[in-house]
Amino acid sequence: MGSTVLAILLAAASSASAEVPQSADAACSAATAYSDARRGFALLVMRDGKAICDTRTTPAEAPHELWSGTKSFVGIMAAAAVQDGLLSLDEPVAATITEWADDPVRRTMTIRQLLSMTNGQGGTIGKPPTYAEAVAQKLSATPGEKFQYGPAPMQLFGEVMRRKLAKAGQDADSYAYLKRRILDPLGIRVAAWRRGADGYALLPQGAVLTAAQWAKFGRFILDGGRHQGRMLVDPVAFAEQFRGSTAHPGYGLTWWLPHPSATPDPVTAGSDIGRRAAELPKDLVVAAGAGDQRLYVIPSRRMVIVRQARLDLASFGPNADPARRWSDADFLKLLLD
């Protein structure tokens, strides 16, 4: 499936621009009303690099926390590291976290499992451990066996990158690496990237961007990992971002996919991307964060869609107003139909 997604992305990148339907304004108005009724304040829809729906509320456009939308930068960071020869997706984590070498279970864990959150760790959402705490955290499942959404896998990947970069004689800061390899070439201006108690960049969350800057990242995904005709990351590792795991077909390497999954975790249950996959474009990929922050990329439509909203904890949980809950499928149908 990974090679198929890459073929779609690259083919779509070279296709001619499609004409914007006459109903675009009506679709924009309907999608905006739906978003605004659910705490939304910014909606930016790009087609072939041109805005066809833009409801950002201020000229300056204040940057906004992406929350777990941050994670999808991590998968792309890994694809850059593969291109640079720093790592491979299927190498054991214990090759870098050498104190695990004699642990019969931990030494089977791979980097791919970290990025797909099937490495046996989870943790409390919104409370990321330090890198050292992630290394020390006990496993609650056998690696590869179970999808567990949580911050620990991303923080553990941060420690892997820190050690890999230091060994290669480079700046060991993972954010500095991402900035040099991906953000700066794409012209993405990050307003802030929060750090943990240990001073290291948070990878499960922490990026603060405007809608326009997040859309630039989406365009890079839309273009199949290319920028100005050049692959910025390893093409095979890029394609693997959009391939689900056996444990969770609807989650790739930090990206959500429209594939049904029986995984019972609350984050999966909180979105209908999987449950209503038949209604959505097959090549849709999604970066998602708390408060229904969304970056949707649809290569077959040549579209990048950014939606940002205020985080209101009262809108979550069993007592939340059902009429104000976010539906990815309902929202996208307003724009795409």
C-alpha atoms as a PDB file:
ATOM      1  CA  MET A   1       0.000   0.000   0.000  1.00  0.00           C
ATOM      2  CA  GLY A   2       2.909   2.399   0.735  1.00  0.00           C
ATOM      3  CA  SER A   3       4.167   2.352  -2.871  1.00  0.00           C
ATOM      4  CA  THR A   4       0.628   2.863  -4.163  1.00  0.00           C
ATOM      5  CA  VAL A   5       0.127   5.968  -2.021  1.00  0.00           C
ATOM      6  CA  LEU A   6       3.481   7.370  -3.182  1.00  0.00           C
ATOM      7  CA  ALA A   7       2.531   6.747  -6.819  1.00  0.00           C
ATOM      8  CA  ILE A   8      -0.744   8.602  -6.292  1.00  0.00           C
ATOM      9  CA  LEU A   9       1.025  11.499  -4.601  1.00  0.00           C
ATOM     10  CA  LEU A  10       3.681  11.835  -7.315  1.00  0.00           C
ATOM     11  CA  ALA A  11       1.213  11.389 -10.168  1.00  0.00           C
ATOM     12  CA  ALA A  12      -1.109  13.973  -8.679  1.00  0.00           C
ATOM     13  CA  ALA A  13       1.817  16.361  -8.235  1.00  0.00           C
ATOM     14  CA  SER A  14       2.428  16.403 -12.008  1.00  0.00           C
ATOM     15  CA  SER A  15      -1.203  16.531 -13.112  1.00  0.00           C
ATOM     16  CA  ALA A  16      -2.839  19.619 -14.586  1.00  0.00           C
ATOM     17  CA  SER A  17      -4.785  21.932 -12.306  1.00  0.00           C
ATOM     18  CA  ALA A  18      -8.463  21.044 -12.030  1.00  0.00           C
ATOM     19  CA  GLU A  19     -11.032  23.797 -12.505  1.00  0.00           C
ATOM     20  CA  VAL A  20     -12.617  25.018  -9.290  1.00  0.00           C
ATOM     21  CA  PRO A  21     -16.337  24.114  -9.293  1.00  0.00           C
ATOM     22  CA  GLN A  22     -18.848  26.954  -9.458  1.00  0.00           C
ATOM     23  CA  SER A  23     -20.225  25.791  -6.099  1.00  0.00           C
ATOM     24  CA  ALA A  24     -16.907  26.456  -4.340  1.00  0.00           C
ATOM     25  CA  ASP A  25     -18.219  29.553  -2.558  1.00  0.00           C
ATOM     26  CA  ALA A  26     -21.268  27.684  -1.276  1.00  0.00           C
ATOM     27  CA  ALA A  27     -19.098  24.776  -0.128  1.00  0.00           C
ATOM     28  CA  CYS A  28     -16.755  27.183   1.635  1.00  0.00           C
ATOM     29  CA  SER A  29     -19.648  28.913   3.392  1.00  0.00           C
ATOM     30  CA  ALA A  30     -21.152  25.612   4.536  1.00  0.00           C
ATOM     31  CA  ALA A  31     -17.832  24.243   5.788  1.00  0.00           C
ATOM     32  CA  THR A  32     -17.030  27.519   7.540  1.00  0.00           C
ATOM     33  CA  ALA A  33     -20.389  27.555   9.312  1.00  0.00           C
ATOM     34  CA  TYR A  34     -19.869  23.961  10.424  1.00  0.00           C
ATOM     35  CA  SER A  35     -16.375  24.743  11.735  1.00  0.00           C
ATOM     36  CA  ASP A  36     -17.344  28.012  13.432  1.00  0.00           C
ATOM     37  CA  ALA A  37     -20.175  26.286  15.291  1.00  0.00           C
ATOM     38  CA  ARG A  38     -17.545  23.965  16.778  1.00  0.00           C
ATOM     39  CA  ARG A  39     -15.048  26.534  18.091  1.00  0.00           C
ATOM     40  CA  GLY A  40     -13.288  27.023  14.773  1.00  0.00           C
ATOM     41  CA  PHE A  41     -11.564  30.305  13.969  1.00  0.00           C
ATOM     42  CA  ALA A  42      -9.434  29.523  10.901  1.00  0.00           C
ATOM     43  CA  LEU A  43     -10.191  27.546   7.757  1.00  0.00           C
ATOM     44  CA  LEU A  44      -7.806  27.556   4.815  1.00  0.00           C
ATOM     45  CA  VAL A  45      -8.474  25.396   1.749  1.00  0.00           C
ATOM     46  CA  MET A  46      -5.786  25.300  -0.929  1.00  0.00           C
ATOM     47  CA  ARG A  47      -6.118  23.772  -4.356  1.00  0.00           C
ATOM     48  CA  ASP A  48      -2.995  23.601  -6.526  1.00  0.00           C
ATOM     49  CA  GLY A  49      -1.425  26.140  -4.206  1.00  0.00           C
ATOM     50  CA  LYS A  50      -4.250  28.671  -4.484  1.00  0.00           C
ATOM     51  CA  ALA A  51      -6.658  29.528  -1.679  1.00  0.00           C
ATOM     52  CA  ILE A  52     -10.235  28.651  -2.629  1.00  0.00           C
ATOM     53  CA  CYS A  53     -11.564  29.122   0.902  1.00  0.00           C
ATOM     54  CA  ASP A  54      -9.899  31.369   3.452  1.00  0.00           C
ATOM     55  CA  THR A  55     -11.664  32.422   6.652  1.00  0.00           C
ATOM     56  CA  ARG A  56      -8.711  33.340   8.820  1.00  0.00           C
ATOM     57  CA  THR A  57     -10.013  35.929  11.204  1.00  0.00           C
ATOM     58  CA  THR A  58      -7.191  38.473  11.451  1.00  0.00           C
ATOM     59  CA  PRO A  59      -4.800  39.902   8.858  1.00  0.00           C
ATOM     60  CA  ALA A  60      -1.826  39.023  11.051  1.00  0.00           C
ATOM     61  CA  GLU A  61      -3.226  35.528  11.678  1.00  0.00           C
ATOM     62  CA  ALA A  62      -2.027  34.606  15.153  1.00  0.00           C
ATOM     63  CA  PRO A  63      -0.158  31.281  15.429  1.00  0.00           C
ATOM     64  CA  HIS A  64      -1.933  28.455  17.199  1.00  0.00           C
ATOM     65  CA  GLU A  65      -0.960  25.277  19.062  1.00  0.00           C
ATOM     66  CA  LEU A  66      -1.223  22.173  16.880  1.00  0.00           C
ATOM     67  CA  TRP A  67      -1.241  19.809  19.838  1.00  0.00           C
ATOM     68  CA  SER A  68      -0.880  16.271  18.448  1.00  0.00           C
ATOM     69  CA  GLY A  69      -0.812  17.679  14.936  1.00  0.00           C
ATOM     70  CA  THR A  70       2.866  18.055  15.860  1.00  0.00           C
ATOM     71  CA  LYS A  71       3.382  14.296  15.597  1.00  0.00           C
ATOM     72  CA  SER A  72       3.221  14.232  11.810  1.00  0.00           C
ATOM     73  CA  PHE A  73       6.387  16.327  11.614  1.00  0.00           C
ATOM     74  CA  VAL A  74       8.095  13.499  13.507  1.00  0.00           C
ATOM     75  CA  GLY A  75       7.351  10.895  10.855  1.00  0.00           C
ATOM     76  CA  ILE A  76       8.784  13.181   8.178  1.00  0.00           C
ATOM     77  CA  MET A  77      11.815  13.819  10.386  1.00  0.00           C
ATOM     78  CA  ALA A  78      12.366  10.061  10.439  1.00  0.00           C
ATOM     79  CA  ALA A  79      12.105   9.885   6.632  1.00  0.00           C
ATOM     80  CA  ALA A  80      14.775  12.602   6.391  1.00  0.00           C
ATOM     81  CA  ALA A  81      16.974  10.667   8.820  1.00  0.00           C
ATOM     82  CA  VAL A  82      16.619   7.568   6.609  1.00  0.00           C
ATOM     83  CA  GLN A  83      17.758   9.581   3.588  1.00  0.00           C
ATOM     84  CA  ASP A  84      20.732  10.852   5.614  1.00  0.00           C
ATOM     85  CA  GLY A  85      21.755   7.335   6.646  1.00  0.00           C
ATOM     86  CA  LEU A  86      21.130   8.021  10.325  1.00  0.00           C
ATOM     87  CA  LEU A  87      18.622   5.202  10.781  1.00  0.00           C
ATOM     88  CA  SER A  88      16.304   2.689   9.117  1.00  0.00           C
ATOM     89  CA  LEU A  89      12.666   2.221  10.002  1.00  0.00           C
ATOM     90  CA  ASP A  90      13.033  -1.439  10.903  1.00  0.00           C
ATOM     91  CA  GLU A  91      16.209  -1.268  12.931  1.00  0.00           C
ATOM     92  CA  PRO A  92      15.928  -2.169  16.632  1.00  0.00           C
ATOM     93  CA  VAL A  93      15.585   0.760  19.001  1.00  0.00           C
ATOM     94  CA  ALA A  94      18.084  -1.105  21.188  1.00  0.00           C
ATOM     95  CA  ALA A  95      20.764  -0.492  18.559  1.00  0.00           C
ATOM     96  CA  THR A  96      20.706   3.103  19.827  1.00  0.00           C
ATOM     97  CA  ILE A  97      19.265   2.690  23.337  1.00  0.00           C
ATOM     98  CA  THR A  98      22.037   0.242  24.107  1.00  0.00           C
ATOM     99  CA  GLU A  99      21.019  -0.263  27.750  1.00  0.00           C
ATOM    100  CA  TRP A 100      18.158  -2.358  26.359  1.00  0.00           C
ATOM    101  CA  ALA A 101      20.445  -4.829  24.628  1.00  0.00           C
ATOM    102  CA  ASP A 102      19.949  -7.564  27.240  1.00  0.00           C
ATOM    103  CA  ASP A 103      16.197  -7.075  27.624  1.00  0.00           C
ATOM    104  CA  PRO A 104      14.512  -9.912  25.692  1.00  0.00           C
ATOM    105  CA  VAL A 105      11.349  -7.880  24.990  1.00  0.00           C
ATOM    106  CA  ARG A 106      12.581  -4.308  24.554  1.00  0.00           C
ATOM    107  CA  ARG A 107      15.343  -5.341  22.195  1.00  0.00           C
ATOM    108  CA  THR A 108      12.702  -6.491  19.663  1.00  0.00           C
ATOM    109  CA  MET A 109      11.165  -2.995  19.411  1.00  0.00           C
ATOM    110  CA  THR A 110      11.739  -1.158  16.118  1.00  0.00           C
ATOM    111  CA  ILE A 111      11.717   2.492  15.121  1.00  0.00           C
ATOM    112  CA  ARG A 112       8.728   1.779  12.873  1.00  0.00           C
ATOM    113  CA  GLN A 113       6.823   0.648  15.972  1.00  0.00           C
ATOM    114  CA  LEU A 114       7.652   3.897  17.753  1.00  0.00           C
ATOM    115  CA  LEU A 115       6.235   5.956  14.895  1.00  0.00           C
ATOM    116  CA  SER A 116       3.122   3.778  14.554  1.00  0.00           C
ATOM    117  CA  MET A 117       2.644   3.770  18.342  1.00  0.00           C
ATOM    118  CA  THR A 118       2.692  -0.023  18.459  1.00  0.00           C
ATOM    119  CA  ASN A 119       5.905  -0.246  20.476  1.00  0.00           C
ATOM    120  CA  GLY A 120       4.198  -1.305  23.707  1.00  0.00           C
ATOM    121  CA  GLN A 121       4.205   2.110  25.399  1.00  0.00           C
ATOM    122  CA  GLY A 122       1.402   4.570  25.881  1.00  0.00           C
ATOM    123  CA  GLY A 123       1.159   7.020  28.729  1.00  0.00           C
ATOM    124  CA  THR A 124      -1.166   9.832  29.667  1.00  0.00           C
ATOM    125  CA  ILE A 125      -2.261  11.969  26.735  1.00  0.00           C
ATOM    126  CA  GLY A 126      -1.180  15.561  27.223  1.00  0.00           C
ATOM    127  CA  LYS A 127       1.490  14.668  29.789  1.00  0.00           C
ATOM    128  CA  PRO A 128       4.613  13.753  27.843  1.00  0.00           C
ATOM    129  CA  PRO A 129       7.481  12.224  29.806  1.00  0.00           C
ATOM    130  CA  THR A 130      11.024  13.503  29.490  1.00  0.00           C
ATOM    131  CA  TYR A 131      13.238  11.640  27.060  1.00  0.00           C
ATOM    132  CA  ALA A 132      14.916   9.793  29.963  1.00  0.00           C
ATOM    133  CA  GLU A 133      11.537   8.900  31.471  1.00  0.00           C
ATOM    134  CA  ALA A 134      10.417   7.501  28.124  1.00  0.00           C
ATOM    135  CA  VAL A 135      13.496   5.286  28.020  1.00  0.00           C
ATOM    136  CA  ALA A 136      12.796   4.041  31.551  1.00  0.00           C
ATOM    137  CA  GLN A 137       9.032   3.581  31.090  1.00  0.00           C
ATOM    138  CA  LYS A 138       7.852  -0.003  31.363  1.00  0.00           C
ATOM    139  CA  LEU A 139       6.035  -1.665  28.492  1.00  0.00           C
ATOM    140  CA  SER A 140       2.378  -2.510  28.819  1.00  0.00           C
ATOM    141  CA  ALA A 141       2.232  -4.677  25.692  1.00  0.00           C
ATOM    142  CA  THR A 142       4.570  -6.681  23.487  1.00  0.00           C
ATOM    143  CA  PRO A 143       6.029  -4.503  20.706  1.00  0.00           C
ATOM    144  CA  GLY A 144       3.997  -4.773  17.522  1.00  0.00           C
ATOM    145  CA  GLU A 145       1.013  -6.338  19.244  1.00  0.00           C
ATOM    146  CA  LYS A 146      -1.163  -3.378  20.159  1.00  0.00           C
ATOM    147  CA  PHE A 147      -1.790   0.253  19.187  1.00  0.00           C
ATOM    148  CA  GLN A 148      -1.545   2.564  22.209  1.00  0.00           C
ATOM    149  CA  TYR A 149      -1.959   6.255  21.563  1.00  0.00           C
ATOM    150  CA  GLY A 150       0.197   8.292  23.905  1.00  0.00           C
ATOM    151  CA  PRO A 151       3.197  10.603  24.167  1.00  0.00           C
ATOM    152  CA  ALA A 152       5.928   8.146  25.219  1.00  0.00           C
ATOM    153  CA  PRO A 153       6.755   6.684  21.768  1.00  0.00           C
ATOM    154  CA  MET A 154       7.415  10.128  20.274  1.00  0.00           C
ATOM    155  CA  GLN A 155       9.595  11.137  23.222  1.00  0.00           C
ATOM    156  CA  LEU A 156      11.496   7.881  22.953  1.00  0.00           C
ATOM    157  CA  PHE A 157      12.068   8.618  19.275  1.00  0.00           C
ATOM    158  CA  GLY A 158      13.400  12.007  20.360  1.00  0.00           C
ATOM    159  CA  GLU A 159      16.019  10.276  22.490  1.00  0.00           C
ATOM    160  CA  VAL A 160      16.916   7.988  19.586  1.00  0.00           C
ATOM    161  CA  MET A 161      17.431  11.028  17.360  1.00  0.00           C
ATOM    162  CA  ARG A 162      19.413  12.820  20.058  1.00  0.00           C
ATOM    163  CA  ARG A 163      21.859   9.942  20.326  1.00  0.00           C
ATOM    164  CA  LYS A 164      22.023   9.360  16.568  1.00  0.00           C
ATOM    165  CA  LEU A 165      22.786  13.001  15.856  1.00  0.00           C
ATOM    166  CA  ALA A 166      25.393  13.222  18.610  1.00  0.00           C
ATOM    167  CA  LYS A 167      27.138  10.100  17.302  1.00  0.00           C
ATOM    168  CA  ALA A 168      27.189  11.618  13.804  1.00  0.00           C
ATOM    169  CA  GLY A 169      28.829  14.769  15.184  1.00  0.00           C
ATOM    170  CA  GLN A 170      25.788  16.943  14.489  1.00  0.00           C
ATOM    171  CA  ASP A 171      23.727  19.251  16.673  1.00  0.00           C
ATOM    172  CA  ALA A 172      21.871  16.721  18.859  1.00  0.00           C
ATOM    173  CA  ASP A 173      18.706  18.819  19.085  1.00  0.00           C
ATOM    174  CA  SER A 174      15.930  17.044  17.157  1.00  0.00           C
ATOM    175  CA  TYR A 175      14.073  20.281  16.437  1.00  0.00           C
ATOM    176  CA  ALA A 176      17.245  21.863  15.036  1.00  0.00           C
ATOM    177  CA  TYR A 177      17.568  18.858  12.716  1.00  0.00           C
ATOM    178  CA  LEU A 178      13.936  19.129  11.581  1.00  0.00           C
ATOM    179  CA  LYS A 179      14.342  22.858  11.023  1.00  0.00           C
ATOM    180  CA  ARG A 180      17.477  22.452   8.943  1.00  0.00           C
ATOM    181  CA  ARG A 181      16.266  19.497   6.893  1.00  0.00           C
ATOM    182  CA  ILE A 182      12.564  20.248   6.374  1.00  0.00           C
ATOM    183  CA  LEU A 183      11.207  23.485   7.819  1.00  0.00           C
ATOM    184  CA  ASP A 184      13.782  25.922   6.442  1.00  0.00           C
ATOM    185  CA  PRO A 185      13.840  24.488   2.894  1.00  0.00           C
ATOM    186  CA  LEU A 186      10.030  24.684   2.777  1.00  0.00           C
ATOM    187  CA  GLY A 187       9.986  28.210   4.191  1.00  0.00           C
ATOM    188  CA  ILE A 188       7.887  27.140   7.176  1.00  0.00           C
ATOM    189  CA  ARG A 189       8.061  29.655  10.003  1.00  0.00           C
ATOM    190  CA  VAL A 190       7.362  28.073  13.381  1.00  0.00           C
ATOM    191  CA  ALA A 191       6.194  30.584  15.956  1.00  0.00           C
ATOM    192  CA  ALA A 192       7.201  28.328  18.850  1.00  0.00           C
ATOM    193  CA  TRP A 193       8.042  24.726  19.648  1.00  0.00           C
ATOM    194  CA  ARG A 194       7.617  23.908  23.293  1.00  0.00           C
ATOM    195  CA  ARG A 195      10.200  21.961  25.261  1.00  0.00           C
ATOM    196  CA  GLY A 196       9.897  19.543  28.140  1.00  0.00           C
ATOM    197  CA  ALA A 197      11.288  19.715  31.653  1.00  0.00           C
ATOM    198  CA  ASP A 198      14.554  18.246  30.350  1.00  0.00           C
ATOM    199  CA  GLY A 199      14.969  21.094  27.854  1.00  0.00           C
ATOM    200  CA  TYR A 200      14.478  18.846  24.834  1.00  0.00           C
ATOM    201  CA  ALA A 201      11.900  19.539  22.131  1.00  0.00           C
ATOM    202  CA  LEU A 202       8.504  17.945  22.732  1.00  0.00           C
ATOM    203  CA  LEU A 203       7.620  15.661  19.841  1.00  0.00           C
ATOM    204  CA  PRO A 204       4.096  14.444  20.725  1.00  0.00           C
ATOM    205  CA  GLN A 205       2.912  18.064  20.870  1.00  0.00           C
ATOM    206  CA  GLY A 206       4.393  21.527  21.113  1.00  0.00           C
ATOM    207  CA  ALA A 207       4.440  23.062  17.615  1.00  0.00           C
ATOM    208  CA  VAL A 208       2.769  26.474  17.259  1.00  0.00           C
ATOM    209  CA  LEU A 209       2.025  27.583  13.688  1.00  0.00           C
ATOM    210  CA  THR A 210      -0.338  29.740  11.705  1.00  0.00           C
ATOM    211  CA  ALA A 211      -2.754  28.067   9.314  1.00  0.00           C
ATOM    212  CA  ALA A 212      -0.741  29.312   6.330  1.00  0.00           C
ATOM    213  CA  GLN A 213       2.484  27.806   7.655  1.00  0.00           C
ATOM    214  CA  TRP A 214       0.839  24.462   8.410  1.00  0.00           C
ATOM    215  CA  ALA A 215      -0.566  24.508   4.878  1.00  0.00           C
ATOM    216  CA  LYS A 216       2.990  24.733   3.507  1.00  0.00           C
ATOM    217  CA  PHE A 217       3.740  21.433   5.220  1.00  0.00           C
ATOM    218  CA  GLY A 218       0.581  19.984   3.717  1.00  0.00           C
ATOM    219  CA  ARG A 219       1.698  21.091   0.250  1.00  0.00           C
ATOM    220  CA  PHE A 220       4.982  19.246   0.774  1.00  0.00           C
ATOM    221  CA  ILE A 221       3.006  16.073   1.555  1.00  0.00           C
ATOM    222  CA  LEU A 222       0.748  16.722  -1.439  1.00  0.00           C
ATOM    223  CA  ASP A 223       3.824  16.977  -3.659  1.00  0.00           C
ATOM    224  CA  GLY A 224       5.027  13.544  -2.558  1.00  0.00           C
ATOM    225  CA  GLY A 225       7.925  14.735  -0.405  1.00  0.00           C
ATOM    226  CA  ARG A 226       9.361  16.891  -3.174  1.00  0.00           C
ATOM    227  CA  HIS A 227      10.343  20.540  -3.046  1.00  0.00           C
ATOM    228  CA  GLN A 228      11.418  22.383  -6.170  1.00  0.00           C
ATOM    229  CA  GLY A 229      11.722  19.039  -7.936  1.00  0.00           C
ATOM    230  CA  ARG A 230      13.943  17.419  -5.312  1.00  0.00           C
ATOM    231  CA  MET A 231      13.052  14.739  -2.775  1.00  0.00           C
ATOM    232  CA  LEU A 232      13.830  16.125   0.679  1.00  0.00           C
ATOM    233  CA  VAL A 233      13.350  12.709   2.317  1.00  0.00           C
ATOM    234  CA  ASP A 234      13.803   9.061   1.469  1.00  0.00           C
ATOM    235  CA  PRO A 235      10.983   8.168  -0.977  1.00  0.00           C
ATOM    236  CA  VAL A 236      10.331   4.697   0.440  1.00  0.00           C
ATOM    237  CA  ALA A 237      10.256   5.987   4.020  1.00  0.00           C
ATOM    238  CA  PHE A 238       7.939   8.780   2.854  1.00  0.00           C
ATOM    239  CA  ALA A 239       5.506   6.264   1.367  1.00  0.00           C
ATOM    240  CA  GLU A 240       5.589   4.225   4.566  1.00  0.00           C
ATOM    241  CA  GLN A 241       4.136   7.205   6.438  1.00  0.00           C
ATOM    242  CA  PHE A 242       0.788   6.377   4.858  1.00  0.00           C
ATOM    243  CA  ARG A 243       0.721   2.640   5.432  1.00  0.00           C
ATOM    244  CA  GLY A 244      -1.236   1.402   8.430  1.00  0.00           C
ATOM    245  CA  SER A 245      -0.036  -1.308  10.801  1.00  0.00           C
ATOM    246  CA  THR A 246      -1.581  -4.699  11.465  1.00  0.00           C
ATOM    247  CA  ALA A 247      -2.530  -3.455  14.923  1.00  0.00           C
ATOM    248  CA  HIS A 248      -4.168  -0.298  13.536  1.00  0.00           C
ATOM    249  CA  PRO A 249      -4.810  -0.053   9.768  1.00  0.00           C
ATOM    250  CA  GLY A 250      -6.035   3.516  10.215  1.00  0.00           C
ATOM    251  CA  TYR A 251      -2.778   4.899  11.606  1.00  0.00           C
ATOM    252  CA  GLY A 252       0.464   5.021   9.650  1.00  0.00           C
ATOM    253  CA  LEU A 253       3.736   6.494  10.829  1.00  0.00           C
ATOM    254  CA  THR A 254       2.240   9.514  12.658  1.00  0.00           C
ATOM    255  CA  TRP A 255      -0.555  10.027  10.075  1.00  0.00           C
ATOM    256  CA  TRP A 256      -4.243   9.067  10.295  1.00  0.00           C
ATOM    257  CA  LEU A 257      -5.703   7.161   7.345  1.00  0.00           C
ATOM    258  CA  PRO A 258      -9.265   6.391   6.198  1.00  0.00           C
ATOM    259  CA  HIS A 259      -9.237   2.703   7.059  1.00  0.00           C
ATOM    260  CA  PRO A 260     -11.552   0.974   9.533  1.00  0.00           C
ATOM    261  CA  SER A 261      -9.951  -0.253  12.739  1.00  0.00           C
ATOM    262  CA  ALA A 262     -11.277  -2.223  15.676  1.00  0.00           C
ATOM    263  CA  THR A 263      -8.797  -0.528  18.002  1.00  0.00           C
ATOM    264  CA  PRO A 264     -10.744   0.526  21.133  1.00  0.00           C
ATOM    265  CA  ASP A 265      -8.600   3.494  22.197  1.00  0.00           C
ATOM    266  CA  PRO A 266     -10.526   6.745  22.835  1.00  0.00           C
ATOM    267  CA  VAL A 267      -8.551   8.825  20.323  1.00  0.00           C
ATOM    268  CA  THR A 268      -9.474   6.504  17.474  1.00  0.00           C
ATOM    269  CA  ALA A 269     -13.057   6.437  18.712  1.00  0.00           C
ATOM    270  CA  GLY A 270     -13.118  10.229  18.788  1.00  0.00           C
ATOM    271  CA  SER A 271     -12.877  10.496  15.004  1.00  0.00           C
ATOM    272  CA  ASP A 272     -15.051   8.994  12.288  1.00  0.00           C
ATOM    273  CA  ILE A 273     -12.268   8.874   9.686  1.00  0.00           C
ATOM    274  CA  GLY A 274     -12.127   5.098  10.088  1.00  0.00           C
ATOM    275  CA  ARG A 275     -15.794   4.400  10.744  1.00  0.00           C
ATOM    276  CA  ARG A 276     -16.876   6.338   7.655  1.00  0.00           C
ATOM    277  CA  ALA A 277     -13.886   5.543   5.477  1.00  0.00           C
ATOM    278  CA  ALA A 278     -16.109   4.476   2.564  1.00  0.00           C
ATOM    279  CA  GLU A 279     -17.393   8.066   2.303  1.00  0.00           C
ATOM    280  CA  LEU A 280     -13.935   9.653   2.128  1.00  0.00           C
ATOM    281  CA  PRO A 281     -11.258   9.879  -0.583  1.00  0.00           C
ATOM    282  CA  LYS A 282      -9.083   6.766  -0.414  1.00  0.00           C
ATOM    283  CA  ASP A 283      -5.879   8.813  -0.572  1.00  0.00           C
ATOM    284  CA  LEU A 284      -6.816  11.183   2.266  1.00  0.00           C
ATOM    285  CA  VAL A 285      -4.162  11.555   4.978  1.00  0.00           C
ATOM    286  CA  VAL A 286      -4.671  13.535   8.169  1.00  0.00           C
ATOM    287  CA  ALA A 287      -2.605  15.182  10.891  1.00  0.00           C
ATOM    288  CA  ALA A 288      -4.855  15.685  13.912  1.00  0.00           C
ATOM    289  CA  GLY A 289      -4.587  17.432  17.259  1.00  0.00           C
ATOM    290  CA  ALA A 290      -6.674  18.071  20.353  1.00  0.00           C
ATOM    291  CA  GLY A 291      -9.479  20.554  19.917  1.00  0.00           C
ATOM    292  CA  ASP A 292     -10.002  19.178  16.395  1.00  0.00           C
ATOM    293  CA  GLN A 293      -6.971  20.839  14.867  1.00  0.00           C
ATOM    294  CA  ARG A 294      -6.705  19.318  11.393  1.00  0.00           C
ATOM    295  CA  LEU A 295      -4.438  19.173   8.386  1.00  0.00           C
ATOM    296  CA  TYR A 296      -6.091  17.193   5.585  1.00  0.00           C
ATOM    297  CA  VAL A 297      -4.177  16.313   2.411  1.00  0.00           C
ATOM    298  CA  ILE A 298      -6.069  14.865  -0.568  1.00  0.00           C
ATOM    299  CA  PRO A 299      -3.765  14.240  -3.563  1.00  0.00           C
ATOM    300  CA  SER A 300      -6.572  13.155  -5.918  1.00  0.00           C
ATOM    301  CA  ARG A 301      -8.254  16.543  -5.369  1.00  0.00           C
ATOM    302  CA  ARG A 302      -4.951  18.468  -5.255  1.00  0.00           C
ATOM    303  CA  MET A 303      -6.185  19.885  -1.959  1.00  0.00           C
ATOM    304  CA  VAL A 304      -4.674  20.887   1.368  1.00  0.00           C
ATOM    305  CA  ILE A 305      -7.124  21.852   4.110  1.00  0.00           C
ATOM    306  CA  VAL A 306      -6.160  23.429   7.435  1.00  0.00           C
ATOM    307  CA  ARG A 307      -8.681  23.851  10.230  1.00  0.00           C
ATOM    308  CA  GLN A 308      -7.803  25.428  13.575  1.00  0.00           C
ATOM    309  CA  ALA A 309     -10.024  25.840  16.618  1.00  0.00           C
ATOM    310  CA  ARG A 310     -10.045  26.882  20.231  1.00  0.00           C
ATOM    311  CA  LEU A 311      -9.339  24.075  22.676  1.00  0.00           C
ATOM    312  CA  ASP A 312     -12.308  23.710  25.028  1.00  0.00           C
ATOM    313  CA  LEU A 313     -12.035  20.733  27.362  1.00  0.00           C
ATOM    314  CA  ALA A 314     -15.742  21.024  28.187  1.00  0.00           C
ATOM    315  CA  SER A 315     -16.519  20.018  24.618  1.00  0.00           C
ATOM    316  CA  PHE A 316     -15.029  16.563  25.151  1.00  0.00           C
ATOM    317  CA  GLY A 317     -16.308  13.522  27.001  1.00  0.00           C
ATOM    318  CA  PRO A 318     -19.677  11.859  27.437  1.00  0.00           C
ATOM    319  CA  ASN A 319     -21.421  15.050  28.582  1.00  0.00           C
ATOM    320  CA  ALA A 320     -20.478  17.064  25.522  1.00  0.00           C
ATOM    321  CA  ASP A 321     -23.241  18.384  23.289  1.00  0.00           C
ATOM    322  CA  PRO A 322     -23.527  15.856  20.423  1.00  0.00           C
ATOM    323  CA  ALA A 323     -24.603  18.583  18.030  1.00  0.00           C
ATOM    324  CA  ARG A 324     -21.279  20.373  18.562  1.00  0.00           C
ATOM    325  CA  ARG A 325     -19.010  17.374  18.223  1.00  0.00           C
ATOM    326  CA  TRP A 326     -16.582  17.393  15.315  1.00  0.00           C
ATOM    327  CA  SER A 327     -17.120  14.962  12.434  1.00  0.00           C
ATOM    328  CA  ASP A 328     -14.280  14.727   9.932  1.00  0.00           C
ATOM    329  CA  ALA A 329     -16.572  12.993   7.451  1.00  0.00           C
ATOM    330  CA  ASP A 330     -19.384  15.559   7.701  1.00  0.00           C
ATOM    331  CA  PHE A 331     -16.967  18.459   7.389  1.00  0.00           C
ATOM    332  CA  LEU A 332     -15.137  17.046   4.372  1.00  0.00           C
ATOM    333  CA  LYS A 333     -18.369  16.140   2.620  1.00  0.00           C
ATOM    334  CA  LEU A 334     -19.430  19.803   2.821  1.00  0.00           C
ATOM    335  CA  LEU A 335     -16.259  20.796   0.983  1.00  0.00           C
ATOM    336  CA  LEU A 336     -15.933  17.896  -1.431  1.00  0.00           C
ATOM    337  CA  ASP A 337     -19.484  17.140  -2.511  1.00  0.00           C
END
